Amino acid sequence: MTLGEQITKLRKQKKLSQNDLGKKVGTSGDIIGRYERDEVKPSIEVASKIADVLEVSLDFLIGKVAVEVDHQLLKRVIEVQQMDDNDKEHILYTLDALIKNVKLKSIA
């Protein structure tokens, strides 16, 4: 999927018009249309703003990753990452045990 196709798909999922997205990004709907038709590529700054408005990562927007990480999950991961090593180890140990349990239930 091209960048333009991805922008179109995500914009429609958010029920935004090209003009709506353009206003939120600080450009025009006509320019958004040109991005969506892959006539021009947005600058990295504009692409980042588009990703923010569409609530996806820049990597997901440009197709570098196929799965978008839930923002609430990402927020929790960042909180865990900022903890001291001992607390982080306990949380990850517990999380690993829960994941293993869920996988075992799906096999049975």
N, C-alpha and C. Protein backbone atom coordinates (compact mmCIF):
# COMPACT_ATOMS: atom_id res chain seq x y z
N MET A 1 0.84 -1.17 0.00
CA MET A 1 0.00 0.00 0.00
C MET A 1 0.90 1.24 0.00
N THR A 2 0.58 2.19 -0.84
CA THR A 2 1.37 3.41 -0.92
C THR A 2 1.04 4.33 0.25
N LEU A 3 1.88 5.33 0.45
CA LEU A 3 1.63 6.31 1.49
C LEU A 3 0.28 6.99 1.26
N GLY A 4 0.01 7.37 0.03
CA GLY A 4 -1.25 8.02 -0.29
C GLY A 4 -2.46 7.14 0.02
N GLU A 5 -2.36 5.87 -0.32
CA GLU A 5 -3.45 4.93 -0.04
C GLU A 5 -3.66 4.78 1.47
N GLN A 6 -2.55 4.76 2.20
CA GLN A 6 -2.62 4.62 3.66
C GLN A 6 -3.29 5.86 4.28
N ILE A 7 -2.89 7.04 3.82
CA ILE A 7 -3.51 8.27 4.33
C ILE A 7 -5.01 8.25 4.04
N THR A 8 -5.38 7.88 2.82
CA THR A 8 -6.80 7.83 2.45
C THR A 8 -7.56 6.88 3.35
N LYS A 9 -7.04 5.68 3.52
CA LYS A 9 -7.72 4.67 4.33
C LYS A 9 -7.90 5.15 5.76
N LEU A 10 -6.84 5.66 6.36
CA LEU A 10 -6.91 6.09 7.75
C LEU A 10 -7.80 7.32 7.91
N ARG A 11 -7.74 8.23 6.96
CA ARG A 11 -8.58 9.44 7.01
C ARG A 11 -10.05 9.05 6.97
N LYS A 12 -10.39 8.11 6.10
CA LYS A 12 -11.78 7.67 5.98
C LYS A 12 -12.23 6.93 7.24
N GLN A 13 -11.32 6.16 7.85
CA GLN A 13 -11.66 5.47 9.10
C GLN A 13 -12.00 6.47 10.20
N LYS A 14 -11.34 7.62 10.17
CA LYS A 14 -11.59 8.68 11.16
C LYS A 14 -12.75 9.57 10.74
N LYS A 15 -13.34 9.26 9.58
CA LYS A 15 -14.46 10.03 9.04
C LYS A 15 -14.11 11.52 8.89
N LEU A 16 -12.91 11.76 8.37
CA LEU A 16 -12.45 13.11 8.09
C LEU A 16 -12.47 13.36 6.59
N SER A 17 -12.84 14.56 6.20
CA SER A 17 -12.70 14.94 4.80
C SER A 17 -11.25 15.36 4.56
N GLN A 18 -10.88 15.49 3.30
CA GLN A 18 -9.54 15.99 2.99
C GLN A 18 -9.36 17.38 3.58
N ASN A 19 -10.41 18.21 3.51
CA ASN A 19 -10.32 19.56 4.07
C ASN A 19 -10.14 19.52 5.58
N ASP A 20 -10.87 18.62 6.26
CA ASP A 20 -10.74 18.49 7.71
C ASP A 20 -9.30 18.12 8.09
N LEU A 21 -8.77 17.12 7.41
CA LEU A 21 -7.41 16.68 7.69
C LEU A 21 -6.42 17.81 7.38
N GLY A 22 -6.63 18.48 6.27
CA GLY A 22 -5.75 19.58 5.91
C GLY A 22 -5.72 20.66 6.97
N LYS A 23 -6.89 21.04 7.48
CA LYS A 23 -6.96 22.08 8.52
C LYS A 23 -6.22 21.64 9.78
N LYS A 24 -6.42 20.39 10.17
CA LYS A 24 -5.78 19.90 11.39
C LYS A 24 -4.26 19.81 11.25
N VAL A 25 -3.80 19.60 10.01
CA VAL A 25 -2.37 19.46 9.75
C VAL A 25 -1.73 20.83 9.46
N GLY A 26 -2.55 21.78 9.08
CA GLY A 26 -2.02 23.10 8.76
C GLY A 26 -1.74 23.28 7.28
N THR A 27 -2.49 22.56 6.46
CA THR A 27 -2.36 22.70 5.01
C THR A 27 -3.77 22.70 4.42
N SER A 28 -3.88 22.53 3.14
CA SER A 28 -5.20 22.55 2.50
C SER A 28 -5.66 21.14 2.14
N GLY A 29 -6.96 21.03 1.93
CA GLY A 29 -7.52 19.77 1.48
C GLY A 29 -6.99 19.37 0.11
N ASP A 30 -6.71 20.38 -0.73
CA ASP A 30 -6.15 20.10 -2.06
C ASP A 30 -4.79 19.40 -1.96
N ILE A 31 -3.98 19.87 -1.02
CA ILE A 31 -2.65 19.26 -0.82
C ILE A 31 -2.82 17.84 -0.30
N ILE A 32 -3.75 17.64 0.63
CA ILE A 32 -4.00 16.28 1.14
C ILE A 32 -4.40 15.38 -0.02
N GLY A 33 -5.23 15.88 -0.91
CA GLY A 33 -5.63 15.10 -2.09
C GLY A 33 -4.43 14.72 -2.95
N ARG A 34 -3.50 15.63 -3.10
CA ARG A 34 -2.29 15.32 -3.89
C ARG A 34 -1.45 14.26 -3.19
N TYR A 35 -1.37 14.33 -1.84
CA TYR A 35 -0.67 13.27 -1.09
C TYR A 35 -1.36 11.93 -1.31
N GLU A 36 -2.69 11.94 -1.22
CA GLU A 36 -3.44 10.70 -1.35
C GLU A 36 -3.34 10.09 -2.74
N ARG A 37 -3.19 10.93 -3.75
CA ARG A 37 -3.03 10.43 -5.12
C ARG A 37 -1.56 10.13 -5.44
N ASP A 38 -0.69 10.28 -4.45
CA ASP A 38 0.75 10.03 -4.59
C ASP A 38 1.38 10.91 -5.66
N GLU A 39 0.81 12.10 -5.85
CA GLU A 39 1.41 13.06 -6.79
C GLU A 39 2.63 13.73 -6.18
N VAL A 40 2.56 13.97 -4.87
CA VAL A 40 3.68 14.55 -4.13
C VAL A 40 3.78 13.83 -2.79
N LYS A 41 4.93 13.90 -2.18
CA LYS A 41 5.16 13.31 -0.86
C LYS A 41 5.24 14.43 0.16
N PRO A 42 4.62 14.25 1.32
CA PRO A 42 4.72 15.27 2.35
C PRO A 42 6.13 15.29 2.96
N SER A 43 6.51 16.46 3.48
CA SER A 43 7.78 16.53 4.22
C SER A 43 7.65 15.66 5.46
N ILE A 44 8.75 15.37 6.08
CA ILE A 44 8.72 14.55 7.29
C ILE A 44 7.91 15.23 8.38
N GLU A 45 7.99 16.56 8.45
CA GLU A 45 7.23 17.31 9.46
C GLU A 45 5.72 17.17 9.20
N VAL A 46 5.32 17.31 7.96
CA VAL A 46 3.90 17.20 7.62
C VAL A 46 3.42 15.76 7.81
N ALA A 47 4.22 14.79 7.40
CA ALA A 47 3.86 13.38 7.58
C ALA A 47 3.68 13.07 9.06
N SER A 48 4.53 13.64 9.90
CA SER A 48 4.42 13.44 11.34
C SER A 48 3.13 14.04 11.87
N LYS A 49 2.76 15.22 11.39
CA LYS A 49 1.50 15.85 11.80
C LYS A 49 0.30 15.02 11.34
N ILE A 50 0.37 14.49 10.12
CA ILE A 50 -0.71 13.64 9.61
C ILE A 50 -0.85 12.40 10.50
N ALA A 51 0.27 11.78 10.84
CA ALA A 51 0.24 10.60 11.71
C ALA A 51 -0.39 10.94 13.06
N ASP A 52 -0.03 12.10 13.61
CA ASP A 52 -0.60 12.50 14.90
C ASP A 52 -2.10 12.68 14.81
N VAL A 53 -2.56 13.36 13.77
CA VAL A 53 -4.00 13.60 13.61
C VAL A 53 -4.73 12.28 13.41
N LEU A 54 -4.14 11.37 12.66
CA LEU A 54 -4.77 10.08 12.39
C LEU A 54 -4.55 9.07 13.51
N GLU A 55 -3.80 9.50 14.54
CA GLU A 55 -3.53 8.70 15.74
C GLU A 55 -2.83 7.38 15.43
N VAL A 56 -1.81 7.47 14.59
CA VAL A 56 -0.96 6.31 14.29
C VAL A 56 0.50 6.77 14.39
N SER A 57 1.39 5.81 14.43
CA SER A 57 2.81 6.17 14.42
C SER A 57 3.23 6.52 13.00
N LEU A 58 4.29 7.25 12.90
CA LEU A 58 4.83 7.58 11.58
C LEU A 58 5.26 6.31 10.86
N ASP A 59 5.84 5.37 11.58
CA ASP A 59 6.25 4.09 10.98
C ASP A 59 5.06 3.37 10.36
N PHE A 60 3.92 3.37 11.06
CA PHE A 60 2.72 2.72 10.53
C PHE A 60 2.20 3.47 9.31
N LEU A 61 2.20 4.80 9.38
CA LEU A 61 1.69 5.60 8.27
C LEU A 61 2.47 5.33 6.99
N ILE A 62 3.78 5.24 7.10
CA ILE A 62 4.60 5.05 5.88
C ILE A 62 4.76 3.58 5.50
N GLY A 63 4.17 2.68 6.28
CA GLY A 63 4.21 1.26 5.93
C GLY A 63 5.45 0.52 6.41
N LYS A 64 6.20 1.13 7.31
CA LYS A 64 7.40 0.47 7.82
C LYS A 64 7.04 -0.68 8.76
N VAL A 65 5.94 -0.53 9.49
CA VAL A 65 5.43 -1.61 10.34
C VAL A 65 4.00 -1.90 9.93
N ALA A 66 3.60 -3.16 10.05
CA ALA A 66 2.28 -3.57 9.58
C ALA A 66 1.22 -3.51 10.66
N VAL A 67 1.64 -3.46 11.92
CA VAL A 67 0.69 -3.46 13.03
C VAL A 67 0.88 -2.19 13.84
N GLU A 68 -0.22 -1.51 14.08
CA GLU A 68 -0.18 -0.30 14.88
C GLU A 68 -0.35 -0.67 16.35
N VAL A 69 0.52 -0.14 17.19
CA VAL A 69 0.46 -0.39 18.62
C VAL A 69 -0.59 0.54 19.23
N ASP A 70 -1.46 -0.03 20.05
CA ASP A 70 -2.48 0.73 20.76
C ASP A 70 -1.80 1.79 21.63
N HIS A 71 -2.31 3.03 21.58
CA HIS A 71 -1.69 4.13 22.32
C HIS A 71 -1.70 3.90 23.83
N GLN A 72 -2.77 3.31 24.35
CA GLN A 72 -2.83 3.05 25.79
C GLN A 72 -1.80 1.98 26.18
N LEU A 73 -1.64 0.98 25.34
CA LEU A 73 -0.65 -0.05 25.61
C LEU A 73 0.75 0.54 25.55
N LEU A 74 1.00 1.36 24.56
CA LEU A 74 2.30 2.01 24.43
C LEU A 74 2.61 2.88 25.64
N LYS A 75 1.61 3.60 26.13
CA LYS A 75 1.79 4.45 27.31
C LYS A 75 2.22 3.59 28.51
N ARG A 76 1.58 2.44 28.67
CA ARG A 76 1.94 1.54 29.77
C ARG A 76 3.34 0.99 29.62
N VAL A 77 3.71 0.63 28.40
CA VAL A 77 5.05 0.11 28.16
C VAL A 77 6.10 1.17 28.51
N ILE A 78 5.84 2.41 28.15
CA ILE A 78 6.77 3.49 28.47
C ILE A 78 6.89 3.67 29.98
N GLU A 79 5.76 3.57 30.68
CA GLU A 79 5.81 3.67 32.14
C GLU A 79 6.66 2.56 32.75
N VAL A 80 6.49 1.34 32.26
CA VAL A 80 7.29 0.21 32.75
C VAL A 80 8.77 0.45 32.43
N GLN A 81 9.05 0.93 31.23
CA GLN A 81 10.42 1.15 30.81
C GLN A 81 11.13 2.17 31.70
N GLN A 82 10.40 3.09 32.28
CA GLN A 82 10.99 4.13 33.11
C GLN A 82 11.19 3.70 34.57
N MET A 83 10.73 2.52 34.93
CA MET A 83 10.87 2.02 36.30
C MET A 83 12.29 1.53 36.54
N ASP A 84 12.62 1.37 37.84
CA ASP A 84 13.94 0.82 38.14
C ASP A 84 13.97 -0.65 37.72
N ASP A 85 15.16 -1.16 37.54
CA ASP A 85 15.35 -2.50 36.97
C ASP A 85 14.64 -3.60 37.76
N ASN A 86 14.64 -3.51 39.08
CA ASN A 86 14.01 -4.55 39.90
C ASN A 86 12.50 -4.58 39.68
N ASP A 87 11.86 -3.41 39.71
CA ASP A 87 10.41 -3.35 39.48
C ASP A 87 10.08 -3.80 38.06
N LYS A 88 10.89 -3.37 37.11
CA LYS A 88 10.67 -3.75 35.71
C LYS A 88 10.76 -5.27 35.55
N GLU A 89 11.74 -5.88 36.21
CA GLU A 89 11.91 -7.33 36.12
C GLU A 89 10.70 -8.06 36.67
N HIS A 90 10.15 -7.58 37.79
CA HIS A 90 8.98 -8.23 38.38
C HIS A 90 7.76 -8.10 37.47
N ILE A 91 7.56 -6.94 36.91
CA ILE A 91 6.41 -6.73 36.02
C ILE A 91 6.54 -7.60 34.77
N LEU A 92 7.72 -7.64 34.18
CA LEU A 92 7.91 -8.45 32.97
C LEU A 92 7.77 -9.93 33.26
N TYR A 93 8.23 -10.38 34.42
CA TYR A 93 8.07 -11.78 34.82
C TYR A 93 6.59 -12.13 34.91
N THR A 94 5.82 -11.25 35.56
CA THR A 94 4.38 -11.46 35.69
C THR A 94 3.70 -11.44 34.33
N LEU A 95 4.06 -10.48 33.51
CA LEU A 95 3.49 -10.37 32.17
C LEU A 95 3.79 -11.61 31.34
N ASP A 96 5.02 -12.10 31.39
CA ASP A 96 5.39 -13.32 30.67
C ASP A 96 4.54 -14.50 31.12
N ALA A 97 4.31 -14.61 32.44
CA ALA A 97 3.50 -15.71 32.97
C ALA A 97 2.05 -15.61 32.47
N LEU A 98 1.52 -14.40 32.44
CA LEU A 98 0.14 -14.22 31.95
C LEU A 98 0.03 -14.53 30.46
N ILE A 99 1.00 -14.10 29.69
CA ILE A 99 1.00 -14.39 28.25
C ILE A 99 1.07 -15.90 28.01
N LYS A 100 1.93 -16.57 28.75
CA LYS A 100 2.06 -18.02 28.63
C LYS A 100 0.74 -18.70 28.97
N ASN A 101 0.08 -18.23 30.01
CA ASN A 101 -1.21 -18.79 30.43
C ASN A 101 -2.26 -18.63 29.33
N VAL A 102 -2.33 -17.47 28.72
CA VAL A 102 -3.29 -17.21 27.64
C VAL A 102 -3.01 -18.12 26.45
N LYS A 103 -1.73 -18.28 26.11
CA LYS A 103 -1.37 -19.15 24.98
C LYS A 103 -1.74 -20.60 25.28
N LEU A 104 -1.53 -21.05 26.50
CA LEU A 104 -1.88 -22.42 26.85
C LEU A 104 -3.38 -22.64 26.79
N LYS A 105 -4.16 -21.64 27.19
CA LYS A 105 -5.63 -21.75 27.12
C LYS A 105 -6.09 -21.86 25.67
N SER A 106 -5.43 -21.14 24.78
CA SER A 106 -5.85 -21.16 23.36
C SER A 106 -5.53 -22.50 22.70
N ILE A 107 -4.54 -23.21 23.23
CA ILE A 107 -4.17 -24.52 22.67
C ILE A 107 -5.18 -25.58 23.10
N ALA A 108 -5.64 -25.47 24.35
CA ALA A 108 -6.54 -26.48 24.93
C ALA A 108 -7.93 -26.44 24.33
